[in-house]
């Protein structure tokens, strides 16, 4: 017996769940993209804002340098590049390098060497726990007083670092007070190495840096005075003045030893040779250790080459300095970004200023109604001006002032 039948089945797949899933994924992806775009836009706005702040500050610092720079030797554009290169390589803010370069030029340094000088000063600042400007100040004071060329800045820097190492002082403290005695020391032929040796010994003996400077100045004044007690003793003992003894190579320690021996090595009698307590205290602090000790310190000053570089490498081989270098790189990127946007930003800012001026004038001349009319005119052409600010080349071809 045969059976003949058909089997009919529903083969249509139910895709509603799949479709709903795809729809949900699409919405989620859209939201994700929207959030990403919103976040990226916000970050870009923050970046531009930060770049404007940093870039405009540096622009002002560079303009300050430009007011005294000899641009026949180095253009402002080249100074800009030199400053940013030095900033990037040293991890020091570009505005700080610019300020140091300004101070260097202001103190008589050649524009052609100003940024390099600022870089050297910044190394001294890092090694000597002070600011670049303070380092520039003490370096230029020494170079000018002693008539030294700019290439001697490294040696002076090394001497100052050695003073810090051998005494109980810092370059920061020296920069605050040493400048008061440098011109006098130079006038009497006391070398920067001798002067620094005296300050190193005094501070090592417990005299504060500011006081040591005051004592040294008083002591040098009496030594250089041919009519003073100590001046007369030097003339009697050697037949020469203090300045003459310096000129023939005697150290400050040698000179004080002559005076010390003239009273039989008596500390009390030695202190009594000086007319001021400050001069006597300083001289006794140096003489009590003997000329040999002073001259040993002096020898280290004279052979101090590399002291700044060594200390600088130590101070910059730290995580903190690496972070500061990264932050400086970010700042310099902001400065470069600002440079690329500056023209458009300036145009947009000028347009905004013109608009506010127009509204103020309208309000003053015609009251609130006139101001509202002026506002309407500004809004009607605002789109054109915003597009012009975004395209500076087109903008410059047109009139960017709001209609009056």
Protein backbone atom coordinates (compact mmCIF):
# COMPACT_ATOMS: atom_id res chain seq x y z
CA UNK A 1 0.00 0.00 0.00
CA UNK A 2 1.53 3.27 -1.06
CA UNK A 3 1.42 6.59 0.80
CA UNK A 4 1.69 9.85 -1.04
CA UNK A 5 2.07 12.94 1.12
CA UNK A 6 3.82 16.35 1.18
CA UNK A 7 5.79 17.85 4.06
CA UNK A 8 5.56 21.59 4.18
CA UNK A 9 7.83 23.55 6.58
CA UNK A 10 8.41 27.26 7.39
CA UNK A 11 12.04 27.90 6.43
CA UNK A 12 12.04 31.63 6.99
CA UNK A 13 14.61 32.65 9.62
CA UNK A 14 13.63 34.95 12.47
CA UNK A 15 16.20 37.78 12.17
CA UNK A 16 14.50 40.29 14.38
CA UNK A 17 16.93 39.70 17.24
CA UNK A 18 19.91 40.05 14.93
CA UNK A 19 18.52 43.21 13.40
CA UNK A 20 17.82 44.70 16.79
CA UNK A 21 21.36 43.81 17.88
CA UNK A 22 22.89 45.48 14.85
CA UNK A 23 20.75 48.55 15.48
CA UNK A 24 21.88 48.71 19.11
CA UNK A 25 25.51 48.31 18.09
CA UNK A 26 25.14 51.07 15.54
CA UNK A 27 23.66 53.41 18.13
CA UNK A 28 26.40 52.50 20.63
CA UNK A 29 29.11 53.02 18.03
CA UNK A 30 27.57 56.32 17.08
CA UNK A 31 27.51 57.42 20.70
CA UNK A 32 31.10 56.26 21.14
CA UNK A 33 32.22 58.22 18.07
CA UNK A 34 30.26 61.25 19.21
CA UNK A 35 31.83 61.08 22.67
CA UNK A 36 35.26 60.66 21.10
CA UNK A 37 34.75 63.65 18.81
CA UNK A 38 33.45 65.70 21.72
CA UNK A 39 36.39 64.72 23.90
CA UNK A 40 38.91 65.31 21.09
CA UNK A 41 37.35 68.69 20.33
CA UNK A 42 37.56 69.64 23.99
CA UNK A 43 41.20 68.55 24.20
CA UNK A 44 42.01 70.45 21.02
CA UNK A 45 40.37 73.55 22.46
CA UNK A 46 42.42 73.14 25.64
CA UNK A 47 45.58 72.69 23.57
CA UNK A 48 44.91 75.82 21.54
CA UNK A 49 44.10 77.82 24.69
CA UNK A 50 47.27 76.62 26.39
CA UNK A 51 49.29 77.33 23.25
CA UNK A 52 47.95 80.88 23.13
CA UNK A 53 48.92 81.48 26.76
CA UNK A 54 52.42 80.03 26.42
CA UNK A 55 53.02 81.34 22.91
CA UNK A 56 51.92 84.89 23.63
CA UNK A 57 54.09 85.01 26.78
CA UNK A 58 57.11 83.85 24.81
CA UNK A 59 56.29 86.30 22.03
CA UNK A 60 56.46 89.12 24.60
CA UNK A 61 59.74 87.79 26.02
CA UNK A 62 61.24 87.59 22.53
CA UNK A 63 60.02 91.11 21.70
CA UNK A 64 61.80 92.31 24.84
CA UNK A 65 65.05 90.80 23.56
CA UNK A 66 64.42 92.44 20.20
CA UNK A 67 64.31 95.90 21.79
CA UNK A 68 68.04 95.78 22.62
CA UNK A 69 69.42 93.12 20.27
CA UNK A 70 71.76 94.10 17.46
CA UNK A 71 69.66 92.62 14.67
CA UNK A 72 72.34 93.45 12.14
CA UNK A 73 74.27 90.55 13.68
CA UNK A 74 71.42 88.20 14.52
CA UNK A 75 67.84 88.60 13.33
CA UNK A 76 64.94 88.23 15.74
CA UNK A 77 63.92 85.13 13.77
CA UNK A 78 67.33 83.55 14.34
CA UNK A 79 67.23 84.51 18.01
CA UNK A 80 63.85 82.82 18.22
CA UNK A 81 65.28 79.60 16.79
CA UNK A 82 68.39 79.73 18.98
CA UNK A 83 66.31 80.23 22.11
CA UNK A 84 63.92 77.38 21.30
CA UNK A 85 66.82 75.06 20.43
CA UNK A 86 68.61 75.89 23.69
CA UNK A 87 65.38 75.53 25.64
CA UNK A 88 64.65 72.13 24.14
CA UNK A 89 68.15 70.75 24.66
CA UNK A 90 68.40 71.95 28.27
CA UNK A 91 64.83 71.49 29.45
CA UNK A 92 64.60 75.15 30.48
CA UNK A 93 61.55 77.25 29.63
CA UNK A 94 62.05 79.29 26.46
CA UNK A 95 60.83 82.44 28.22
CA UNK A 96 63.54 81.97 30.87
CA UNK A 97 66.24 81.59 28.22
CA UNK A 98 64.91 84.69 26.46
CA UNK A 99 65.00 86.69 29.71
CA UNK A 100 68.56 85.50 30.40
CA UNK A 101 69.59 86.51 26.87
CA UNK A 102 68.02 89.94 27.40
CA UNK A 103 69.92 90.39 30.67
CA UNK A 104 73.16 89.31 28.99
CA UNK A 105 72.79 91.81 26.14
CA UNK A 106 71.71 94.49 28.59
CA UNK A 107 74.91 93.88 30.57
CA UNK A 108 77.05 94.35 27.47
CA UNK A 109 77.31 90.88 25.95
CA UNK A 110 77.38 90.62 22.17
CA UNK A 111 74.03 89.74 20.60
CA UNK A 112 75.77 87.07 18.53
CA UNK A 113 76.75 85.22 21.73
CA UNK A 114 73.81 86.17 23.93
CA UNK A 115 71.82 82.93 23.70
CA UNK A 116 74.92 80.76 24.15
CA UNK A 117 75.80 82.90 27.17
CA UNK A 118 72.27 82.42 28.51
CA UNK A 119 72.71 78.67 28.07
CA UNK A 120 75.93 78.71 30.08
CA UNK A 121 74.24 80.80 32.75
CA UNK A 122 71.38 78.29 32.86
CA UNK A 123 73.87 75.49 33.50
CA UNK A 124 75.35 77.51 36.36
CA UNK A 125 71.82 78.16 37.63
CA UNK A 126 70.97 74.45 37.70
CA UNK A 127 74.27 73.55 39.35
CA UNK A 128 74.21 76.52 41.74
CA UNK A 129 70.56 76.36 42.84
CA UNK A 130 69.65 79.77 41.46
CA UNK A 131 67.77 81.35 38.57
CA UNK A 132 69.17 81.93 35.09
CA UNK A 133 68.80 85.69 35.56
CA UNK A 134 70.78 85.63 38.82
CA UNK A 135 73.48 83.54 37.16
CA UNK A 136 73.65 86.00 34.26
CA UNK A 137 73.95 88.86 36.73
CA UNK A 138 76.93 87.46 38.63
CA UNK A 139 78.69 86.29 35.45
CA UNK A 140 78.33 89.59 33.61
CA UNK A 141 79.34 91.57 36.71
CA UNK A 142 82.56 89.55 36.94
CA UNK A 143 83.30 89.68 33.21
CA UNK A 144 82.70 93.43 33.01
CA UNK A 145 84.64 94.29 36.18
CA UNK A 146 87.66 92.22 35.20
CA UNK A 147 87.48 93.09 31.51
CA UNK A 148 87.14 89.45 30.50
CA UNK A 149 85.77 88.25 27.17
CA UNK A 150 82.60 86.18 26.88
CA UNK A 151 84.57 82.98 26.36
CA UNK A 152 85.84 83.33 29.95
CA UNK A 153 82.31 82.91 31.29
CA UNK A 154 82.82 79.16 31.60
CA UNK A 155 85.91 79.64 33.76
CA UNK A 156 84.18 82.20 35.99
CA UNK A 157 81.26 79.80 36.30
CA UNK A 158 83.63 76.99 37.32
CA UNK A 159 85.25 79.24 39.95
CA UNK A 160 81.84 80.11 41.40
CA UNK A 161 80.86 76.43 41.53
CA UNK A 162 84.14 75.61 43.28
CA UNK A 163 83.42 78.36 45.80
CA UNK A 164 80.09 76.67 46.47
CA UNK A 165 81.79 73.29 46.81
CA UNK A 166 84.57 74.42 49.15
CA UNK A 167 82.62 76.92 51.25
CA UNK A 168 79.32 76.91 53.08
CA UNK A 169 77.53 78.91 50.43
CA UNK A 170 75.75 78.58 47.10
CA UNK A 171 75.88 80.36 43.78
CA UNK A 172 72.45 81.73 44.62
CA UNK A 173 73.82 83.39 47.77
CA UNK A 174 76.95 84.57 45.96
CA UNK A 175 74.88 86.14 43.19
CA UNK A 176 72.98 88.16 45.80
CA UNK A 177 76.03 89.73 47.42
CA UNK A 178 79.29 89.08 45.59
CA UNK A 179 78.57 91.76 43.01
CA UNK A 180 79.00 94.40 45.73
CA UNK A 181 82.70 93.59 46.13
CA UNK A 182 83.75 92.43 42.65
CA UNK A 183 84.38 95.95 41.22
CA UNK A 184 86.54 96.91 44.22
CA UNK A 185 88.51 93.67 44.04
CA UNK A 186 89.11 94.15 40.32
CA UNK A 187 90.27 97.74 40.92
CA UNK A 188 93.01 96.54 43.30
CA UNK A 189 94.02 93.63 41.08
CA UNK A 190 92.54 90.93 43.30
CA UNK A 191 91.69 88.16 40.83
CA UNK A 192 88.30 86.50 40.79
CA UNK A 193 90.04 83.30 41.95
CA UNK A 194 91.56 85.11 44.96
CA UNK A 195 88.30 86.81 45.81
CA UNK A 196 86.38 83.54 45.56
CA UNK A 197 88.98 81.74 47.67
CA UNK A 198 88.52 84.30 50.41
CA UNK A 199 84.75 83.87 50.38
CA UNK A 200 85.07 80.08 50.34
CA UNK A 201 87.37 80.12 53.38
CA UNK A 202 85.29 82.64 55.32
CA UNK A 203 82.00 80.83 54.74
CA UNK A 204 83.64 77.48 55.54
CA UNK A 205 84.68 79.08 58.84
CA UNK A 206 81.04 79.82 59.62
CA UNK A 207 80.63 83.38 58.35
CA UNK A 208 77.43 83.88 56.34
CA UNK A 209 77.87 84.76 52.67
CA UNK A 210 76.43 88.28 52.94
CA UNK A 211 78.61 89.05 55.95
CA UNK A 212 81.68 87.53 54.30
CA UNK A 213 81.16 89.86 51.36
CA UNK A 214 80.86 92.88 53.67
CA UNK A 215 83.97 91.84 55.61
CA UNK A 216 85.92 91.33 52.39
CA UNK A 217 84.94 94.74 51.05
CA UNK A 218 86.04 96.46 54.28
CA UNK A 219 89.30 94.49 54.31
CA UNK A 220 90.15 95.34 50.70
CA UNK A 221 89.41 99.02 51.30
CA UNK A 222 91.98 99.14 54.09
CA UNK A 223 94.55 97.04 52.25
CA UNK A 224 94.29 99.33 49.24
CA UNK A 225 94.57 102.51 51.28
CA UNK A 226 98.25 103.56 51.44
CA UNK A 227 97.48 105.67 54.50
CA UNK A 228 95.92 102.89 56.57
CA UNK A 229 97.87 100.96 59.21
CA UNK A 230 97.95 97.78 57.14
CA UNK A 231 98.81 99.74 53.98
CA UNK A 232 101.81 101.31 55.71
CA UNK A 233 103.00 97.96 57.05
CA UNK A 234 102.90 96.41 53.58
CA UNK A 235 104.89 99.33 52.20
CA UNK A 236 107.43 99.04 55.02
CA UNK A 237 107.77 95.26 54.81
CA UNK A 238 107.85 94.88 51.02
CA UNK A 239 108.35 98.35 49.58
CA UNK A 240 105.17 97.85 47.57
CA UNK A 241 101.50 98.70 47.76
CA UNK A 242 98.70 96.15 47.95
CA UNK A 243 97.91 96.62 44.25
CA UNK A 244 101.57 96.17 43.32
CA UNK A 245 101.81 92.96 45.32
CA UNK A 246 98.72 91.65 43.53
CA UNK A 247 100.20 92.60 40.18
CA UNK A 248 103.34 90.57 40.82
CA UNK A 249 101.29 87.48 41.68
CA UNK A 250 101.00 87.51 45.45
CA UNK A 251 97.82 85.88 46.70
CA UNK A 252 95.51 87.47 49.23
CA UNK A 253 96.70 84.81 51.64
CA UNK A 254 100.35 85.78 51.05
CA UNK A 255 99.58 89.46 51.74
CA UNK A 256 97.71 88.69 54.96
CA UNK A 257 100.56 86.41 56.05
CA UNK A 258 102.99 89.34 55.75
CA UNK A 259 100.78 91.37 58.09
CA UNK A 260 100.29 88.44 60.45
CA UNK A 261 104.01 87.85 60.76
CA UNK A 262 104.60 91.58 61.34
CA UNK A 263 102.92 91.22 64.74
CA UNK A 264 104.63 87.95 65.63
CA UNK A 265 101.66 85.76 64.78
CA UNK A 266 99.48 87.25 67.51
CA UNK A 267 95.79 87.04 66.61
CA UNK A 268 94.91 89.82 69.01
CA UNK A 269 97.59 92.15 67.66
CA UNK A 270 96.64 91.25 64.08
CA UNK A 271 92.99 92.13 64.70
CA UNK A 272 94.13 95.42 66.16
CA UNK A 273 95.76 96.46 62.87
CA UNK A 274 92.38 97.10 61.28
CA UNK A 275 90.27 100.19 61.82
CA UNK A 276 86.95 98.38 61.45
CA UNK A 277 85.65 95.27 63.16
CA UNK A 278 84.37 93.92 59.82
CA UNK A 279 87.78 94.17 58.15
CA UNK A 280 89.56 92.68 61.15
CA UNK A 281 87.11 89.79 61.48
CA UNK A 282 87.39 88.89 57.81
CA UNK A 283 91.17 89.18 57.72
CA UNK A 284 91.59 87.07 60.86
CA UNK A 285 89.30 84.39 59.45
CA UNK A 286 91.58 84.10 56.41
CA UNK A 287 94.94 84.52 58.15
CA UNK A 288 94.28 82.12 61.01
CA UNK A 289 94.49 79.13 58.65
CA UNK A 290 97.79 80.29 57.24
CA UNK A 291 98.83 81.19 53.72
CA UNK A 292 99.32 77.53 52.83
CA UNK A 293 95.65 76.70 53.39
CA UNK A 294 94.48 79.77 51.49
CA UNK A 295 96.79 78.97 48.58
CA UNK A 296 95.56 75.38 48.48
CA UNK A 297 92.00 76.67 48.05
CA UNK A 298 93.26 79.15 45.47
CA UNK A 299 94.91 76.35 43.51
CA UNK A 300 91.60 74.51 43.33
CA UNK A 301 89.97 77.67 42.02
CA UNK A 302 92.62 78.05 39.35
CA UNK A 303 92.21 74.42 38.30
CA UNK A 304 88.45 74.24 38.45
CA UNK A 305 87.80 73.51 34.77
CA UNK A 306 84.73 71.31 34.30
CA UNK A 307 83.21 72.02 37.73
CA UNK A 308 80.03 73.50 36.29
CA UNK A 309 79.57 70.78 33.71
CA UNK A 310 80.06 68.03 36.29
CA UNK A 311 77.58 69.57 38.73
CA UNK A 312 75.13 70.28 35.90
CA UNK A 313 75.21 66.66 34.74
CA UNK A 314 74.57 65.51 38.29
CA UNK A 315 71.66 67.87 38.80
CA UNK A 316 70.02 66.98 35.48
CA UNK A 317 70.45 63.21 35.79
CA UNK A 318 67.21 62.98 37.74
CA UNK A 319 63.64 61.94 37.07
CA UNK A 320 62.43 65.42 37.98
CA UNK A 321 64.62 67.00 35.31
CA UNK A 322 63.36 64.48 32.75
CA UNK A 323 59.80 65.46 33.59
CA UNK A 324 60.72 69.14 33.32
CA UNK A 325 62.34 68.49 29.95
CA UNK A 326 59.16 66.77 28.74
CA UNK A 327 57.08 69.70 29.99
CA UNK A 328 59.40 72.12 28.23
CA UNK A 329 59.06 70.12 24.99
CA UNK A 330 55.27 70.40 25.32
CA UNK A 331 55.53 74.14 25.93
CA UNK A 332 57.76 74.59 22.91
CA UNK A 333 55.27 72.64 20.80
CA UNK A 334 52.64 75.08 22.03
CA UNK A 335 54.84 78.02 21.05
CA UNK A 336 55.28 76.58 17.56
CA UNK A 337 51.52 75.96 17.28
CA UNK A 338 50.85 79.51 18.43
CA UNK A 339 53.23 80.83 15.77
CA UNK A 340 51.23 79.02 13.09
CA UNK A 341 47.93 80.39 14.41
CA UNK A 342 49.06 83.84 15.47
CA UNK A 343 48.10 85.66 12.29
CA UNK A 344 44.53 84.33 12.31
CA UNK A 345 44.21 84.85 16.05
CA UNK A 346 45.41 88.43 15.75
CA UNK A 347 42.89 89.15 12.99
CA UNK A 348 40.05 87.57 14.98
CA UNK A 349 41.06 89.50 18.10
CA UNK A 350 41.17 92.76 16.18
CA UNK A 351 37.73 92.04 14.72
CA UNK A 352 36.39 91.38 18.22
CA UNK A 353 37.92 94.61 19.48
CA UNK A 354 36.38 96.55 16.59
CA UNK A 355 32.99 95.01 17.34
CA UNK A 356 33.14 95.99 21.00
CA UNK A 357 34.27 99.49 20.06
CA UNK A 358 31.35 99.80 17.64
CA UNK A 359 28.86 98.63 20.28
CA UNK A 360 30.30 101.02 22.87
CA UNK A 361 30.14 103.95 20.45
CA UNK A 362 26.57 103.09 19.43
CA UNK A 363 25.45 102.85 23.06
CA UNK A 364 27.15 106.11 23.94
CA UNK A 365 25.80 108.05 20.94
CA UNK A 366 22.34 106.54 20.46
CA UNK A 367 21.44 104.56 23.53
CA UNK A 368 20.31 100.91 23.82
CA UNK A 369 18.31 100.94 20.57
CA UNK A 370 21.32 102.06 18.53
CA UNK A 371 23.45 99.43 20.25
CA UNK A 372 20.95 96.70 19.33
CA UNK A 373 20.97 97.88 15.71
CA UNK A 374 24.77 97.77 15.70
CA UNK A 375 24.65 94.28 17.21
CA UNK A 376 22.34 93.16 14.45
CA UNK A 377 24.70 94.47 11.79
CA UNK A 378 27.60 92.67 13.44
CA UNK A 379 25.69 89.38 13.65
CA UNK A 380 24.60 89.64 10.02
CA UNK A 381 28.18 89.71 8.83
CA UNK A 382 29.72 87.64 11.65
CA UNK A 383 29.90 84.46 9.59
CA UNK A 384 31.90 86.21 6.89
CA UNK A 385 34.40 87.49 9.43
CA UNK A 386 34.80 84.15 11.15
CA UNK A 387 35.49 82.52 7.78
CA UNK A 388 37.97 85.30 7.02
CA UNK A 389 39.75 84.72 10.34
CA UNK A 390 40.09 81.05 9.43
CA UNK A 391 41.49 81.98 5.99
CA UNK A 392 43.94 84.84 6.63
CA UNK A 393 44.99 85.13 2.99
CA UNK A 394 41.42 85.82 1.85
CA UNK A 395 40.80 87.94 4.90
CA UNK A 396 43.65 90.29 4.16
CA UNK A 397 42.19 90.99 0.75
CA UNK A 398 38.92 92.22 2.28
CA UNK A 399 37.83 94.77 4.82
CA UNK A 400 37.85 93.11 8.23
CA UNK A 401 36.22 95.96 10.16
CA UNK A 402 32.58 95.63 11.13
CA UNK A 403 30.19 97.78 9.19
CA UNK A 404 29.35 101.04 10.81
